[in-house]
């Protein structure tokens, strides 16, 4: 009787050991997959940040835009002053009726 109880107990222990081994294996696989996913996401975020940094370097900022627009403004001011002067001389030569 004692031997049969010990045999049953050992069978239960063996079953629990097998279940524990299976659970440990499944948990290991789950953790490995989760680690792989996190690694992929992290590397993807790093690549995206690098691309954004490259794009930020090539974007036009306000000082650059002002430096590019200043020659155009001077040309427009020259044209406007010429037109205003021409209008003054035209008004002197051709007074309105």
PDB file of N, CA and C in Angstrom:
ATOM      1  N   UNK A   1       0.819  -1.189   0.000  1.00  0.00           N
ATOM      2  CA  UNK A   1       0.000   0.000   0.000  1.00  0.00           C
ATOM      3  C   UNK A   1       0.866   1.258   0.000  1.00  0.00           C
ATOM      4  N   UNK A   2       1.846   1.293   0.831  1.00  0.00           N
ATOM      5  CA  UNK A   2       2.757   2.421   0.891  1.00  0.00           C
ATOM      6  C   UNK A   2       3.512   2.567  -0.428  1.00  0.00           C
ATOM      7  N   UNK A   3       3.876   1.430  -0.990  1.00  0.00           N
ATOM      8  CA  UNK A   3       4.588   1.452  -2.275  1.00  0.00           C
ATOM      9  C   UNK A   3       3.699   1.990  -3.393  1.00  0.00           C
ATOM     10  N   UNK A   4       2.437   1.616  -3.389  1.00  0.00           N
ATOM     11  CA  UNK A   4       1.530   2.097  -4.430  1.00  0.00           C
ATOM     12  C   UNK A   4       1.272   3.592  -4.268  1.00  0.00           C
ATOM     13  N   UNK A   5       1.209   4.042  -3.015  1.00  0.00           N
ATOM     14  CA  UNK A   5       1.034   5.479  -2.787  1.00  0.00           C
ATOM     15  C   UNK A   5       2.267   6.244  -3.249  1.00  0.00           C
ATOM     16  N   UNK A   6       3.441   5.687  -2.971  1.00  0.00           N
ATOM     17  CA  UNK A   6       4.678   6.327  -3.432  1.00  0.00           C
ATOM     18  C   UNK A   6       4.759   6.324  -4.956  1.00  0.00           C
ATOM     19  N   UNK A   7       4.323   5.241  -5.563  1.00  0.00           N
ATOM     20  CA  UNK A   7       4.336   5.157  -7.022  1.00  0.00           C
ATOM     21  C   UNK A   7       3.380   6.187  -7.621  1.00  0.00           C
ATOM     22  N   UNK A   8       2.198   6.320  -7.038  1.00  0.00           N
ATOM     23  CA  UNK A   8       1.231   7.329  -7.508  1.00  0.00           C
ATOM     24  C   UNK A   8       1.775   8.738  -7.308  1.00  0.00           C
ATOM     25  N   UNK A   9       2.417   8.963  -6.166  1.00  0.00           N
ATOM     26  CA  UNK A   9       2.999  10.260  -5.880  1.00  0.00           C
ATOM     27  C   UNK A   9       4.105  10.590  -6.883  1.00  0.00           C
ATOM     28  N   UNK A  10       4.935   9.611  -7.199  1.00  0.00           N
ATOM     29  CA  UNK A  10       6.001   9.820  -8.179  1.00  0.00           C
ATOM     30  C   UNK A  10       5.429  10.094  -9.569  1.00  0.00           C
ATOM     31  N   UNK A  11       4.352   9.403  -9.919  1.00  0.00           N
ATOM     32  CA  UNK A  11       3.720   9.655 -11.208  1.00  0.00           C
ATOM     33  C   UNK A  11       3.190  11.085 -11.278  1.00  0.00           C
ATOM     34  N   UNK A  12       2.580  11.539 -10.163  1.00  0.00           N
ATOM     35  CA  UNK A  12       2.062  12.912 -10.121  1.00  0.00           C
ATOM     36  C   UNK A  12       3.208  13.917 -10.193  1.00  0.00           C
ATOM     37  N   UNK A  13       4.291  13.617  -9.488  1.00  0.00           N
ATOM     38  CA  UNK A  13       5.456  14.506  -9.512  1.00  0.00           C
ATOM     39  C   UNK A  13       6.044  14.538 -10.920  1.00  0.00           C
ATOM     40  N   UNK A  14       6.144  13.410 -11.566  1.00  0.00           N
ATOM     41  CA  UNK A  14       6.663  13.358 -12.928  1.00  0.00           C
ATOM     42  C   UNK A  14       5.765  14.154 -13.878  1.00  0.00           C
ATOM     43  N   UNK A  15       4.452  14.019 -13.700  1.00  0.00           N
ATOM     44  CA  UNK A  15       3.537  14.791 -14.538  1.00  0.00           C
ATOM     45  C   UNK A  15       3.706  16.286 -14.296  1.00  0.00           C
ATOM     46  N   UNK A  16       3.832  16.672 -13.016  1.00  0.00           N
ATOM     47  CA  UNK A  16       4.034  18.090 -12.693  1.00  0.00           C
ATOM     48  C   UNK A  16       5.367  18.590 -13.241  1.00  0.00           C
ATOM     49  N   UNK A  17       6.398  17.744 -13.171  1.00  0.00           N
ATOM     50  CA  UNK A  17       7.696  18.132 -13.732  1.00  0.00           C
ATOM     51  C   UNK A  17       7.593  18.355 -15.238  1.00  0.00           C
ATOM     52  N   UNK A  18       6.867  17.462 -15.899  1.00  0.00           N
ATOM     53  CA  UNK A  18       6.703  17.610 -17.351  1.00  0.00           C
ATOM     54  C   UNK A  18       5.902  18.865 -17.675  1.00  0.00           C
ATOM     55  N   UNK A  19       4.837  19.108 -16.900  1.00  0.00           N
ATOM     56  CA  UNK A  19       4.032  20.315 -17.126  1.00  0.00           C
ATOM     57  C   UNK A  19       4.876  21.563 -16.872  1.00  0.00           C
ATOM     58  N   UNK A  20       5.686  21.525 -15.824  1.00  0.00           N
ATOM     59  CA  UNK A  20       6.557  22.664 -15.509  1.00  0.00           C
ATOM     60  C   UNK A  20       7.565  22.886 -16.631  1.00  0.00           C
ATOM     61  N   UNK A  21       8.153  21.825 -17.147  1.00  0.00           N
ATOM     62  CA  UNK A  21       9.108  21.960 -18.250  1.00  0.00           C
ATOM     63  C   UNK A  21       8.435  22.545 -19.484  1.00  0.00           C
ATOM     64  N   UNK A  22       7.232  22.079 -19.766  1.00  0.00           N
ATOM     65  CA  UNK A  22       6.503  22.596 -20.933  1.00  0.00           C
ATOM     66  C   UNK A  22       6.186  24.073 -20.741  1.00  0.00           C
ATOM     67  N   UNK A  23       5.706  24.437 -19.534  1.00  0.00           N
ATOM     68  CA  UNK A  23       5.402  25.839 -19.257  1.00  0.00           C
ATOM     69  C   UNK A  23       6.644  26.721 -19.362  1.00  0.00           C
ATOM     70  N   UNK A  24       7.768  26.244 -18.847  1.00  0.00           N
ATOM     71  CA  UNK A  24       9.016  27.009 -18.934  1.00  0.00           C
ATOM     72  C   UNK A  24       9.418  27.184 -20.397  1.00  0.00           C
ATOM     73  N   UNK A  25       9.274  26.135 -21.176  1.00  0.00           N
ATOM     74  CA  UNK A  25       9.608  26.222 -22.599  1.00  0.00           C
ATOM     75  C   UNK A  25       8.706  27.208 -23.340  1.00  0.00           C
ATOM     76  N   UNK A  26       7.402  27.115 -23.064  1.00  0.00           N
ATOM     77  CA  UNK A  26       6.453  28.028 -23.720  1.00  0.00           C
ATOM     78  C   UNK A  26       6.725  29.469 -23.296  1.00  0.00           C
ATOM     79  N   UNK A  27       6.978  29.689 -22.015  1.00  0.00           N
ATOM     80  CA  UNK A  27       7.289  31.044 -21.533  1.00  0.00           C
ATOM     81  C   UNK A  27       8.573  31.562 -22.178  1.00  0.00           C
ATOM     82  N   UNK A  28       9.557  30.691 -22.325  1.00  0.00           N
ATOM     83  CA  UNK A  28      10.792  31.104 -22.988  1.00  0.00           C
ATOM     84  C   UNK A  28      10.551  31.525 -24.416  1.00  0.00           C
ATOM     85  N   UNK A  29       9.724  30.772 -25.130  1.00  0.00           N
ATOM     86  CA  UNK A  29       9.403  31.121 -26.516  1.00  0.00           C
ATOM     87  C   UNK A  29       8.649  32.449 -26.564  1.00  0.00           C
ATOM     88  N   UNK A  30       7.684  32.630 -25.657  1.00  0.00           N
ATOM     89  CA  UNK A  30       6.919  33.883 -25.629  1.00  0.00           C
ATOM     90  C   UNK A  30       7.838  35.072 -25.345  1.00  0.00           C
ATOM     91  N   UNK A  31       8.721  34.924 -24.363  1.00  0.00           N
ATOM     92  CA  UNK A  31       9.652  36.009 -24.055  1.00  0.00           C
ATOM     93  C   UNK A  31      10.597  36.288 -25.213  1.00  0.00           C
ATOM     94  N   UNK A  32      11.037  35.254 -25.894  1.00  0.00           N
ATOM     95  CA  UNK A  32      11.927  35.439 -27.037  1.00  0.00           C
ATOM     96  C   UNK A  32      11.211  36.204 -28.155  1.00  0.00           C
ATOM     97  N   UNK A  33       9.962  35.853 -28.429  1.00  0.00           N
ATOM     98  CA  UNK A  33       9.193  36.541 -29.471  1.00  0.00           C
ATOM     99  C   UNK A  33       8.953  38.001 -29.074  1.00  0.00           C
ATOM    100  N   UNK A  34       8.604  38.225 -27.807  1.00  0.00           N
ATOM    101  CA  UNK A  34       8.394  39.603 -27.334  1.00  0.00           C
ATOM    102  C   UNK A  34       9.686  40.412 -27.424  1.00  0.00           C
ATOM    103  N   UNK A  35      10.797  39.812 -27.070  1.00  0.00           N
ATOM    104  CA  UNK A  35      12.086  40.496 -27.181  1.00  0.00           C
ATOM    105  C   UNK A  35      12.419  40.841 -28.623  1.00  0.00           C
ATOM    106  N   UNK A  36      12.141  39.918 -29.527  1.00  0.00           N
ATOM    107  CA  UNK A  36      12.398  40.167 -30.941  1.00  0.00           C
ATOM    108  C   UNK A  36      11.532  41.321 -31.451  1.00  0.00           C
ATOM    109  N   UNK A  37      10.258  41.341 -31.051  1.00  0.00           N
ATOM    110  CA  UNK A  37       9.356  42.417 -31.475  1.00  0.00           C
ATOM    111  C   UNK A  37       9.823  43.764 -30.934  1.00  0.00           C
ATOM    112  N   UNK A  38      10.205  43.797 -29.660  1.00  0.00           N
ATOM    113  CA  UNK A  38      10.682  45.047 -29.065  1.00  0.00           C
ATOM    114  C   UNK A  38      11.951  45.516 -29.770  1.00  0.00           C
ATOM    115  N   UNK A  39      12.836  44.596 -30.081  1.00  0.00           N
ATOM    116  CA  UNK A  39      14.081  44.959 -30.778  1.00  0.00           C
ATOM    117  C   UNK A  39      13.777  45.543 -32.155  1.00  0.00           C
ATOM    118  N   UNK A  40      12.840  44.923 -32.883  1.00  0.00           N
ATOM    119  CA  UNK A  40      12.464  45.431 -34.211  1.00  0.00           C
ATOM    120  C   UNK A  40      11.853  46.820 -34.116  1.00  0.00           C
ATOM    121  N   UNK A  41      10.964  47.008 -33.146  1.00  0.00           N
ATOM    122  CA  UNK A  41      10.338  48.319 -32.978  1.00  0.00           C
ATOM    123  C   UNK A  41      11.370  49.373 -32.609  1.00  0.00           C
ATOM    124  N   UNK A  42      12.281  49.013 -31.721  1.00  0.00           N
ATOM    125  CA  UNK A  42      13.297  49.970 -31.292  1.00  0.00           C
ATOM    126  C   UNK A  42      14.208  50.354 -32.457  1.00  0.00           C
ATOM    127  N   UNK A  43      14.612  49.377 -33.248  1.00  0.00           N
ATOM    128  CA  UNK A  43      15.480  49.701 -34.390  1.00  0.00           C
ATOM    129  C   UNK A  43      14.713  50.508 -35.424  1.00  0.00           C
ATOM    130  N   UNK A  44      13.432  50.245 -35.573  1.00  0.00           N
ATOM    131  CA  UNK A  44      12.618  51.017 -36.511  1.00  0.00           C
ATOM    132  C   UNK A  44      12.502  52.464 -36.049  1.00  0.00           C
ATOM    133  N   UNK A  45      12.317  52.672 -34.756  1.00  0.00           N
ATOM    134  CA  UNK A  45      12.241  54.032 -34.214  1.00  0.00           C
ATOM    135  C   UNK A  45      13.579  54.740 -34.398  1.00  0.00           C
ATOM    136  N   UNK A  46      14.684  54.049 -34.177  1.00  0.00           N
ATOM    137  CA  UNK A  46      16.000  54.655 -34.365  1.00  0.00           C
ATOM    138  C   UNK A  46      16.210  55.072 -35.816  1.00  0.00           C
ATOM    139  N   UNK A  47      15.813  54.224 -36.749  1.00  0.00           N
ATOM    140  CA  UNK A  47      15.944  54.564 -38.166  1.00  0.00           C
ATOM    141  C   UNK A  47      15.076  55.758 -38.515  1.00  0.00           C
ATOM    142  N   UNK A  48      13.874  55.799 -37.972  1.00  0.00           N
ATOM    143  CA  UNK A  48      12.978  56.924 -38.232  1.00  0.00           C
ATOM    144  C   UNK A  48      13.557  58.219 -37.679  1.00  0.00           C
ATOM    145  N   UNK A  49      14.121  58.159 -36.484  1.00  0.00           N
ATOM    146  CA  UNK A  49      14.742  59.354 -35.903  1.00  0.00           C
ATOM    147  C   UNK A  49      15.918  59.834 -36.745  1.00  0.00           C
ATOM    148  N   UNK A  50      16.687  58.910 -37.286  1.00  0.00           N
ATOM    149  CA  UNK A  50      17.809  59.293 -38.142  1.00  0.00           C
ATOM    150  C   UNK A  50      17.309  59.963 -39.415  1.00  0.00           C
ATOM    151  N   UNK A  51      16.239  59.428 -40.007  1.00  0.00           N
ATOM    152  CA  UNK A  51      15.673  60.044 -41.214  1.00  0.00           C
ATOM    153  C   UNK A  51      15.133  61.432 -40.921  1.00  0.00           C
ATOM    154  N   UNK A  52      14.476  61.593 -39.785  1.00  0.00           N
ATOM    155  CA  UNK A  52      13.929  62.901 -39.417  1.00  0.00           C
ATOM    156  C   UNK A  52      15.059  63.895 -39.206  1.00  0.00           C
ATOM    157  N   UNK A  53      16.146  63.465 -38.592  1.00  0.00           N
ATOM    158  CA  UNK A  53      17.290  64.359 -38.380  1.00  0.00           C
ATOM    159  C   UNK A  53      17.863  64.821 -39.711  1.00  0.00           C
ATOM    160  N   UNK A  54      17.960  63.920 -40.668  1.00  0.00           N
ATOM    161  CA  UNK A  54      18.468  64.288 -41.993  1.00  0.00           C
ATOM    162  C   UNK A  54      17.534  65.291 -42.657  1.00  0.00           C
ATOM    163  N   UNK A  55      16.233  65.057 -42.556  1.00  0.00           N
ATOM    164  CA  UNK A  55      15.269  65.981 -43.152  1.00  0.00           C
ATOM    165  C   UNK A  55      15.282  67.340 -42.476  1.00  0.00           C
ATOM    166  N   UNK A  56      15.456  67.365 -41.167  1.00  0.00           N
ATOM    167  CA  UNK A  56      15.497  68.639 -40.448  1.00  0.00           C
ATOM    168  C   UNK A  56      16.686  69.485 -40.892  1.00  0.00           C
ATOM    169  N   UNK A  57      17.782  68.833 -41.247  1.00  0.00           N
ATOM    170  CA  UNK A  57      18.950  69.581 -41.704  1.00  0.00           C
ATOM    171  C   UNK A  57      18.701  70.260 -43.041  1.00  0.00           C
ATOM    172  N   UNK A  58      17.844  69.654 -43.868  1.00  0.00           N
ATOM    173  CA  UNK A  58      17.624  70.204 -45.200  1.00  0.00           C
ATOM    174  C   UNK A  58      16.420  71.126 -45.282  1.00  0.00           C
ATOM    175  N   UNK A  59      15.656  71.254 -44.198  1.00  0.00           N
ATOM    176  CA  UNK A  59      14.498  72.138 -44.225  1.00  0.00           C
ATOM    177  C   UNK A  59      14.930  73.594 -44.211  1.00  0.00           C
ATOM    178  N   UNK A  60      14.083  74.425 -44.761  1.00  0.00           N
ATOM    179  CA  UNK A  60      14.366  75.854 -44.802  1.00  0.00           C
ATOM    180  C   UNK A  60      13.961  76.464 -43.469  1.00  0.00           C
ATOM    181  N   UNK A  61      14.897  77.190 -42.843  1.00  0.00           N
ATOM    182  CA  UNK A  61      14.541  77.895 -41.624  1.00  0.00           C
ATOM    183  C   UNK A  61      14.407  79.388 -41.917  1.00  0.00           C
ATOM    184  N   UNK A  62      13.911  80.138 -40.985  1.00  0.00           N
ATOM    185  CA  UNK A  62      13.599  81.554 -41.198  1.00  0.00           C
ATOM    186  C   UNK A  62      14.831  82.375 -41.607  1.00  0.00           C
ATOM    187  N   UNK A  63      15.980  82.256 -40.947  1.00  0.00           N
ATOM    188  CA  UNK A  63      17.142  83.053 -41.379  1.00  0.00           C
ATOM    189  C   UNK A  63      17.564  82.752 -42.828  1.00  0.00           C
ATOM    190  N   UNK A  64      17.518  81.473 -43.204  1.00  0.00           N
ATOM    191  CA  UNK A  64      17.876  81.124 -44.583  1.00  0.00           C
ATOM    192  C   UNK A  64      16.888  81.747 -45.557  1.00  0.00           C
ATOM    193  N   UNK A  65      15.615  81.667 -45.219  1.00  0.00           N
ATOM    194  CA  UNK A  65      14.591  82.245 -46.084  1.00  0.00           C
ATOM    195  C   UNK A  65      14.769  83.760 -46.205  1.00  0.00           C
ATOM    196  N   UNK A  66      15.049  84.415 -45.095  1.00  0.00           N
ATOM    197  CA  UNK A  66      15.272  85.868 -45.135  1.00  0.00           C
ATOM    198  C   UNK A  66      16.484  86.212 -46.002  1.00  0.00           C
ATOM    199  N   UNK A  67      17.534  85.428 -45.910  1.00  0.00           N
ATOM    200  CA  UNK A  67      18.724  85.707 -46.717  1.00  0.00           C
ATOM    201  C   UNK A  67      18.434  85.521 -48.205  1.00  0.00           C
ATOM    202  N   UNK A  68      17.550  84.592 -48.544  1.00  0.00           N
ATOM    203  CA  UNK A  68      17.202  84.378 -49.943  1.00  0.00           C
ATOM    204  C   UNK A  68      16.225  85.429 -50.461  1.00  0.00           C
ATOM    205  N   UNK A  69      15.419  85.983 -49.583  1.00  0.00           N
ATOM    206  CA  UNK A  69      14.416  86.966 -50.002  1.00  0.00           C
ATOM    207  C   UNK A  69      14.948  88.395 -50.037  1.00  0.00           C
ATOM    208  N   UNK A  70      16.030  88.671 -49.359  1.00  0.00           N
ATOM    209  CA  UNK A  70      16.524  90.053 -49.313  1.00  0.00           C
ATOM    210  C   UNK A  70      16.904  90.597 -50.695  1.00  0.00           C
ATOM    211  N   UNK A  71      17.556  89.845 -51.594  1.00  0.00           N
ATOM    212  CA  UNK A  71      17.811  90.404 -52.937  1.00  0.00           C
ATOM    213  C   UNK A  71      16.513  90.692 -53.699  1.00  0.00           C
ATOM    214  N   UNK A  72      15.535  89.856 -53.528  1.00  0.00           N
ATOM    215  CA  UNK A  72      14.254  90.074 -54.205  1.00  0.00           C
ATOM    216  C   UNK A  72      13.595  91.339 -53.672  1.00  0.00           C
ATOM    217  N   UNK A  73      13.676  91.556 -52.385  1.00  0.00           N
ATOM    218  CA  UNK A  73      13.089  92.769 -51.790  1.00  0.00           C
ATOM    219  C   UNK A  73      13.792  94.027 -52.295  1.00  0.00           C
ATOM    220  N   UNK A  74      15.110  93.950 -52.404  1.00  0.00           N
ATOM    221  CA  UNK A  74      15.816  95.139 -52.900  1.00  0.00           C
ATOM    222  C   UNK A  74      15.427  95.418 -54.350  1.00  0.00           C
ATOM    223  N   UNK A  75      15.283  94.361 -55.161  1.00  0.00           N
ATOM    224  CA  UNK A  75      14.845  94.559 -56.545  1.00  0.00           C
ATOM    225  C   UNK A  75      13.439  95.147 -56.599  1.00  0.00           C
ATOM    226  N   UNK A  76      12.562  94.665 -55.777  1.00  0.00           N
ATOM    227  CA  UNK A  76      11.193  95.194 -55.752  1.00  0.00           C
ATOM    228  C   UNK A  76      11.172  96.642 -55.296  1.00  0.00           C
ATOM    229  N   UNK A  77      11.999  96.980 -54.316  1.00  0.00           N
ATOM    230  CA  UNK A  77      12.066  98.368 -53.862  1.00  0.00           C
ATOM    231  C   UNK A  77      12.606  99.272 -54.967  1.00  0.00           C
ATOM    232  N   UNK A  78      13.577  98.793 -55.725  1.00  0.00           N
ATOM    233  CA  UNK A  78      14.119  99.568 -56.838  1.00  0.00           C
ATOM    234  C   UNK A  78      13.048  99.794 -57.904  1.00  0.00           C
ATOM    235  N   UNK A  79      12.322  98.760 -58.237  1.00  0.00           N
ATOM    236  CA  UNK A  79      11.255  98.873 -59.239  1.00  0.00           C
ATOM    237  C   UNK A  79      10.170  99.830 -58.752  1.00  0.00           C
ATOM    238  N   UNK A  80       9.780  99.697 -57.497  1.00  0.00           N
ATOM    239  CA  UNK A  80       8.749 100.568 -56.943  1.00  0.00           C
ATOM    240  C   UNK A  80       9.206 102.018 -56.931  1.00  0.00           C
ATOM    241  N   UNK A  81      10.426 102.261 -56.521  1.00  0.00           N
ATOM    242  CA  UNK A  81      10.917 103.649 -56.511  1.00  0.00           C
ATOM    243  C   UNK A  81      10.981 104.212 -57.933  1.00  0.00           C
ATOM    244  N   UNK A  82      11.383 103.404 -58.897  1.00  0.00           N
ATOM    245  CA  UNK A  82      11.418 103.862 -60.282  1.00  0.00           C
ATOM    246  C   UNK A  82      10.010 104.200 -60.784  1.00  0.00           C
ATOM    247  N   UNK A  83       9.052 103.342 -60.478  1.00  0.00           N
ATOM    248  CA  UNK A  83       7.677 103.612 -60.906  1.00  0.00           C
ATOM    249  C   UNK A  83       7.114 104.863 -60.250  1.00  0.00           C
ATOM    250  N   UNK A  84       7.438 105.077 -58.993  1.00  0.00           N
ATOM    251  CA  UNK A  84       6.963 106.276 -58.307  1.00  0.00           C
ATOM    252  C   UNK A  84       7.597 107.527 -58.892  1.00  0.00           C
ATOM    253  N   UNK A  85       8.875 107.454 -59.196  1.00  0.00           N
ATOM    254  CA  UNK A  85       9.557 108.594 -59.831  1.00  0.00           C
ATOM    255  C   UNK A  85       8.975 108.858 -61.216  1.00  0.00           C
ATOM    256  N   UNK A  86       8.728 107.812 -61.946  1.00  0.00           N
ATOM    257  CA  UNK A  86       8.151 107.948 -63.281  1.00  0.00           C
ATOM    258  C   UNK A  86       6.752 108.561 -63.190  1.00  0.00           C
ATOM    259  N   UNK A  87       6.026 108.214 -62.196  1.00  0.00           N
ATOM    260  CA  UNK A  87       4.687 108.779 -62.016  1.00  0.00           C
ATOM    261  C   UNK A  87       4.761 110.274 -61.716  1.00  0.00           C
ATOM    262  N   UNK A  88       5.727 110.658 -60.884  1.00  0.00           N
ATOM    263  CA  UNK A  88       5.893 112.077 -60.561  1.00  0.00           C
ATOM    264  C   UNK A  88       6.238 112.881 -61.815  1.00  0.00           C
ATOM    265  N   UNK A  89       7.170 112.375 -62.608  1.00  0.00           N
ATOM    266  CA  UNK A  89       7.552 113.110 -63.817  1.00  0.00           C
ATOM    267  C   UNK A  89       6.429 113.096 -64.837  1.00  0.00           C
ATOM    268  N   UNK A  90       5.666 112.036 -64.869  1.00  0.00           N
ATOM    269  CA  UNK A  90       4.551 111.966 -65.798  1.00  0.00           C
ATOM    270  C   UNK A  90       3.464 112.950 -65.404  1.00  0.00           C
ATOM    271  N   UNK A  91       3.220 113.112 -64.133  1.00  0.00           N
ATOM    272  CA  UNK A  91       2.232 114.065 -63.652  1.00  0.00           C
ATOM    273  C   UNK A  91       2.661 115.510 -63.942  1.00  0.00           C
ATOM    274  N   UNK A  92       3.956 115.781 -63.915  1.00  0.00           N
ATOM    275  CA  UNK A  92       4.446 117.123 -64.223  1.00  0.00           C
ATOM    276  C   UNK A  92       4.300 117.447 -65.696  1.00  0.00           C
ATOM    277  N   UNK A  93       4.561 116.480 -66.546  1.00  0.00           N
ATOM    278  CA  UNK A  93       4.485 116.742 -67.990  1.00  0.00           C
ATOM    279  C   UNK A  93       3.073 116.674 -68.514  1.00  0.00           C
ATOM    280  N   UNK A  94       2.229 115.866 -67.921  1.00  0.00           N
ATOM    281  CA  UNK A  94       0.856 115.725 -68.379  1.00  0.00           C
ATOM    282  C   UNK A  94      -0.102 115.961 -67.201  1.00  0.00           C
ATOM    283  N   UNK A  95      -0.379 117.198 -66.898  1.00  0.00           N
ATOM    284  CA  UNK A  95      -1.318 117.441 -65.798  1.00  0.00           C
ATOM    285  C   UNK A  95      -2.711 116.940 -66.148  1.00  0.00           C
ATOM    286  N   UNK A  96      -3.412 116.504 -65.160  1.00  0.00           N
ATOM    287  CA  UNK A  96      -4.756 116.002 -65.407  1.00  0.00           C
ATOM    288  C   UNK A  96      -5.705 117.165 -65.622  1.00  0.00           C
ATOM    289  N   UNK A  97      -6.685 116.923 -66.441  1.00  0.00           N
ATOM    290  CA  UNK A  97      -7.634 117.995 -66.769  1.00  0.00           C
ATOM    291  C   UNK A  97      -8.678 118.145 -65.740  1.00  0.00           C
TER     292      UNK A  97
END
